[in-house]
N, C-alpha and C. Protein backbone atom coordinates (compact mmCIF):
# COMPACT_ATOMS: atom_id res chain seq x y z
N UNK A 1 -22.25 26.30 -24.47
CA UNK A 1 -22.62 25.53 -23.30
C UNK A 1 -24.01 24.93 -23.46
N UNK A 2 -24.72 25.30 -24.51
CA UNK A 2 -26.06 24.78 -24.73
C UNK A 2 -26.04 23.31 -25.12
N UNK A 3 -24.91 22.81 -25.56
CA UNK A 3 -24.81 21.42 -25.98
C UNK A 3 -24.72 20.53 -24.74
N UNK A 4 -25.85 20.06 -24.26
CA UNK A 4 -25.87 19.30 -23.02
C UNK A 4 -25.37 17.88 -23.18
N UNK A 5 -25.27 17.39 -24.41
CA UNK A 5 -24.82 16.03 -24.61
C UNK A 5 -23.38 15.94 -25.08
N UNK A 6 -22.74 17.07 -25.27
CA UNK A 6 -21.40 17.04 -25.86
C UNK A 6 -20.32 17.50 -24.94
N UNK A 7 -19.41 18.22 -25.53
CA UNK A 7 -18.19 18.66 -24.84
C UNK A 7 -18.48 19.53 -23.63
N UNK A 8 -19.42 20.46 -23.73
CA UNK A 8 -19.69 21.36 -22.61
C UNK A 8 -20.18 20.59 -21.39
N UNK A 9 -21.00 19.60 -21.59
CA UNK A 9 -21.50 18.80 -20.47
C UNK A 9 -20.37 17.99 -19.85
N UNK A 10 -19.47 17.45 -20.67
CA UNK A 10 -18.33 16.71 -20.15
C UNK A 10 -17.41 17.60 -19.33
N UNK A 11 -17.20 18.80 -19.81
CA UNK A 11 -16.34 19.75 -19.08
C UNK A 11 -16.96 20.13 -17.75
N UNK A 12 -18.27 20.38 -17.75
CA UNK A 12 -18.98 20.71 -16.52
C UNK A 12 -18.88 19.56 -15.52
N UNK A 13 -19.09 18.35 -16.00
CA UNK A 13 -19.01 17.18 -15.13
C UNK A 13 -17.62 17.06 -14.53
N UNK A 14 -16.60 17.35 -15.34
CA UNK A 14 -15.22 17.30 -14.85
C UNK A 14 -14.99 18.29 -13.72
N UNK A 15 -15.50 19.52 -13.89
CA UNK A 15 -15.36 20.53 -12.83
C UNK A 15 -16.07 20.08 -11.56
N UNK A 16 -17.28 19.60 -11.70
CA UNK A 16 -18.06 19.17 -10.53
C UNK A 16 -17.37 18.02 -9.81
N UNK A 17 -16.86 17.06 -10.54
CA UNK A 17 -16.18 15.93 -9.91
C UNK A 17 -14.89 16.36 -9.22
N UNK A 18 -14.15 17.28 -9.82
CA UNK A 18 -12.93 17.79 -9.17
C UNK A 18 -13.28 18.51 -7.87
N UNK A 19 -14.32 19.32 -7.90
CA UNK A 19 -14.75 20.04 -6.69
C UNK A 19 -15.18 19.05 -5.62
N UNK A 20 -15.91 18.03 -6.00
CA UNK A 20 -16.35 17.02 -5.03
C UNK A 20 -15.15 16.31 -4.39
N UNK A 21 -14.14 15.98 -5.20
CA UNK A 21 -12.94 15.34 -4.65
C UNK A 21 -12.23 16.27 -3.67
N UNK A 22 -12.11 17.53 -4.04
CA UNK A 22 -11.45 18.50 -3.15
C UNK A 22 -12.23 18.70 -1.86
N UNK A 23 -13.55 18.74 -1.95
CA UNK A 23 -14.37 18.87 -0.74
C UNK A 23 -14.17 17.66 0.17
N UNK A 24 -14.06 16.48 -0.40
CA UNK A 24 -13.82 15.27 0.40
C UNK A 24 -12.44 15.33 1.07
N UNK A 25 -11.43 15.77 0.31
CA UNK A 25 -10.09 15.93 0.87
C UNK A 25 -10.10 16.93 2.01
N UNK A 26 -10.82 18.04 1.82
CA UNK A 26 -10.91 19.07 2.86
C UNK A 26 -11.55 18.49 4.13
N UNK A 27 -12.63 17.72 3.95
CA UNK A 27 -13.29 17.10 5.10
C UNK A 27 -12.33 16.17 5.85
N UNK A 28 -11.55 15.40 5.10
CA UNK A 28 -10.58 14.49 5.72
C UNK A 28 -9.49 15.26 6.45
N UNK A 29 -9.03 16.37 5.88
CA UNK A 29 -8.00 17.17 6.55
C UNK A 29 -8.53 17.78 7.84
N UNK A 30 -9.78 18.22 7.83
CA UNK A 30 -10.38 18.77 9.05
C UNK A 30 -10.44 17.71 10.13
N UNK A 31 -10.85 16.51 9.75
CA UNK A 31 -10.92 15.40 10.70
C UNK A 31 -9.53 15.08 11.25
N UNK A 32 -8.54 15.03 10.38
CA UNK A 32 -7.16 14.76 10.82
C UNK A 32 -6.66 15.83 11.77
N UNK A 33 -6.96 17.09 11.46
CA UNK A 33 -6.53 18.20 12.31
C UNK A 33 -7.16 18.09 13.70
N UNK A 34 -8.45 17.77 13.75
CA UNK A 34 -9.12 17.59 15.05
C UNK A 34 -8.46 16.49 15.86
N UNK A 35 -8.09 15.41 15.18
CA UNK A 35 -7.43 14.30 15.86
C UNK A 35 -6.09 14.71 16.45
N UNK A 36 -5.34 15.53 15.72
CA UNK A 36 -4.04 15.99 16.22
C UNK A 36 -4.24 16.89 17.44
N UNK A 37 -5.23 17.79 17.38
CA UNK A 37 -5.51 18.63 18.55
C UNK A 37 -5.94 17.77 19.74
N UNK A 38 -6.74 16.75 19.52
CA UNK A 38 -7.17 15.86 20.60
C UNK A 38 -5.98 15.12 21.20
N UNK A 39 -5.07 14.70 20.34
CA UNK A 39 -3.86 14.02 20.81
C UNK A 39 -3.00 14.97 21.64
N UNK A 40 -2.86 16.20 21.18
CA UNK A 40 -2.09 17.19 21.93
C UNK A 40 -2.73 17.44 23.29
N UNK A 41 -4.07 17.55 23.30
CA UNK A 41 -4.78 17.78 24.56
C UNK A 41 -4.58 16.61 25.52
N UNK A 42 -4.66 15.39 24.99
CA UNK A 42 -4.48 14.23 25.86
C UNK A 42 -3.04 14.12 26.38
N UNK A 43 -2.12 14.80 25.71
CA UNK A 43 -0.73 14.84 26.17
C UNK A 43 -0.49 15.97 27.15
N UNK A 44 -1.54 16.73 27.47
CA UNK A 44 -1.42 17.78 28.47
C UNK A 44 -1.21 19.17 27.92
N UNK A 45 -1.26 19.35 26.61
CA UNK A 45 -1.08 20.67 26.03
C UNK A 45 -2.42 21.40 25.96
N UNK A 46 -2.36 22.73 26.08
CA UNK A 46 -3.54 23.57 25.98
C UNK A 46 -3.81 23.86 24.50
N UNK A 47 -4.94 23.36 24.00
CA UNK A 47 -5.21 23.47 22.57
C UNK A 47 -5.53 24.90 22.14
N UNK A 48 -6.08 25.71 23.02
CA UNK A 48 -6.32 27.11 22.67
C UNK A 48 -5.00 27.82 22.39
N UNK A 49 -4.02 27.52 23.20
CA UNK A 49 -2.70 28.13 23.02
C UNK A 49 -2.04 27.60 21.74
N UNK A 50 -2.19 26.32 21.49
CA UNK A 50 -1.63 25.76 20.26
C UNK A 50 -2.27 26.41 19.05
N UNK A 51 -3.58 26.62 19.08
CA UNK A 51 -4.27 27.27 17.96
C UNK A 51 -3.73 28.69 17.75
N UNK A 52 -3.46 29.39 18.84
CA UNK A 52 -2.90 30.74 18.75
C UNK A 52 -1.49 30.70 18.15
N UNK A 53 -0.69 29.73 18.57
CA UNK A 53 0.66 29.58 18.02
C UNK A 53 0.59 29.31 16.53
N UNK A 54 -0.30 28.43 16.11
CA UNK A 54 -0.45 28.12 14.69
C UNK A 54 -0.84 29.37 13.90
N UNK A 55 -1.78 30.14 14.46
CA UNK A 55 -2.22 31.37 13.78
C UNK A 55 -1.07 32.38 13.68
N UNK A 56 -0.29 32.52 14.75
CA UNK A 56 0.83 33.46 14.74
C UNK A 56 1.91 33.04 13.75
N UNK A 57 2.13 31.73 13.64
CA UNK A 57 3.17 31.25 12.72
C UNK A 57 2.80 31.47 11.26
N UNK A 58 1.51 31.66 10.98
CA UNK A 58 1.08 31.95 9.61
C UNK A 58 1.44 33.37 9.20
N UNK A 59 1.62 34.25 10.17
CA UNK A 59 1.90 35.65 9.90
C UNK A 59 3.39 35.86 9.63
N UNK A 60 3.70 36.84 8.81
CA UNK A 60 5.11 37.19 8.70
C UNK A 60 5.48 38.05 9.90
N UNK A 61 6.75 38.25 10.10
CA UNK A 61 7.26 38.91 11.30
C UNK A 61 6.67 40.30 11.50
N UNK A 62 6.55 41.09 10.44
CA UNK A 62 6.04 42.45 10.59
C UNK A 62 4.56 42.45 10.96
N UNK A 63 3.78 41.54 10.39
CA UNK A 63 2.37 41.45 10.75
C UNK A 63 2.20 41.03 12.21
N UNK A 64 3.03 40.08 12.63
CA UNK A 64 2.97 39.62 14.02
C UNK A 64 3.31 40.75 14.98
N UNK A 65 4.37 41.51 14.68
CA UNK A 65 4.76 42.62 15.53
C UNK A 65 3.67 43.68 15.58
N UNK A 66 3.04 43.94 14.44
CA UNK A 66 1.96 44.92 14.38
C UNK A 66 0.79 44.49 15.26
N UNK A 67 0.41 43.22 15.18
CA UNK A 67 -0.69 42.72 16.01
C UNK A 67 -0.35 42.78 17.49
N UNK A 68 0.88 42.39 17.84
CA UNK A 68 1.30 42.42 19.24
C UNK A 68 1.31 43.85 19.77
N UNK A 69 1.77 44.81 18.97
CA UNK A 69 1.80 46.21 19.38
C UNK A 69 0.38 46.74 19.57
N UNK A 70 -0.50 46.39 18.67
CA UNK A 70 -1.88 46.84 18.77
C UNK A 70 -2.57 46.22 20.00
N UNK A 71 -2.32 44.96 20.25
CA UNK A 71 -2.87 44.30 21.44
C UNK A 71 -2.36 44.99 22.70
N UNK A 72 -1.07 45.27 22.73
CA UNK A 72 -0.48 45.95 23.89
C UNK A 72 -1.11 47.33 24.08
N UNK A 73 -1.30 48.06 22.99
CA UNK A 73 -1.92 49.39 23.05
C UNK A 73 -3.33 49.31 23.63
N UNK A 74 -4.12 48.34 23.14
CA UNK A 74 -5.49 48.19 23.62
C UNK A 74 -5.51 47.81 25.10
N UNK A 75 -4.63 46.89 25.51
CA UNK A 75 -4.61 46.47 26.91
C UNK A 75 -4.21 47.63 27.81
N UNK A 76 -3.21 48.43 27.38
CA UNK A 76 -2.83 49.60 28.19
C UNK A 76 -3.97 50.60 28.27
N UNK A 77 -4.69 50.78 27.19
CA UNK A 77 -5.83 51.72 27.19
C UNK A 77 -6.92 51.26 28.16
N UNK A 78 -7.01 49.96 28.35
CA UNK A 78 -8.00 49.41 29.29
C UNK A 78 -7.45 49.26 30.70
N UNK A 79 -6.20 49.64 30.89
CA UNK A 79 -5.58 49.52 32.19
C UNK A 79 -5.24 48.10 32.57
N UNK A 80 -5.09 47.24 31.58
CA UNK A 80 -4.83 45.83 31.81
C UNK A 80 -3.34 45.49 31.78
N UNK A 81 -2.52 46.42 31.36
CA UNK A 81 -1.12 46.08 31.20
C UNK A 81 -0.25 46.96 32.06
């Protein structure tokens, strides 16, 4: 990697440029996601609930059931359920 004018420098530049492109794509995806949430909100949907639905859909069924059971346990312990 000491060869700053040769292959090692070219490889480093390639990594940095790939990371920069991915960071730009990530920024664009975040912007697009915000726009979709804003559109949903303007259509009368509750965005907090939509965010929760999205998070739950990422979980597999057993993880979701485990979280729901734990939430229910905590709420009962607090006298909320």
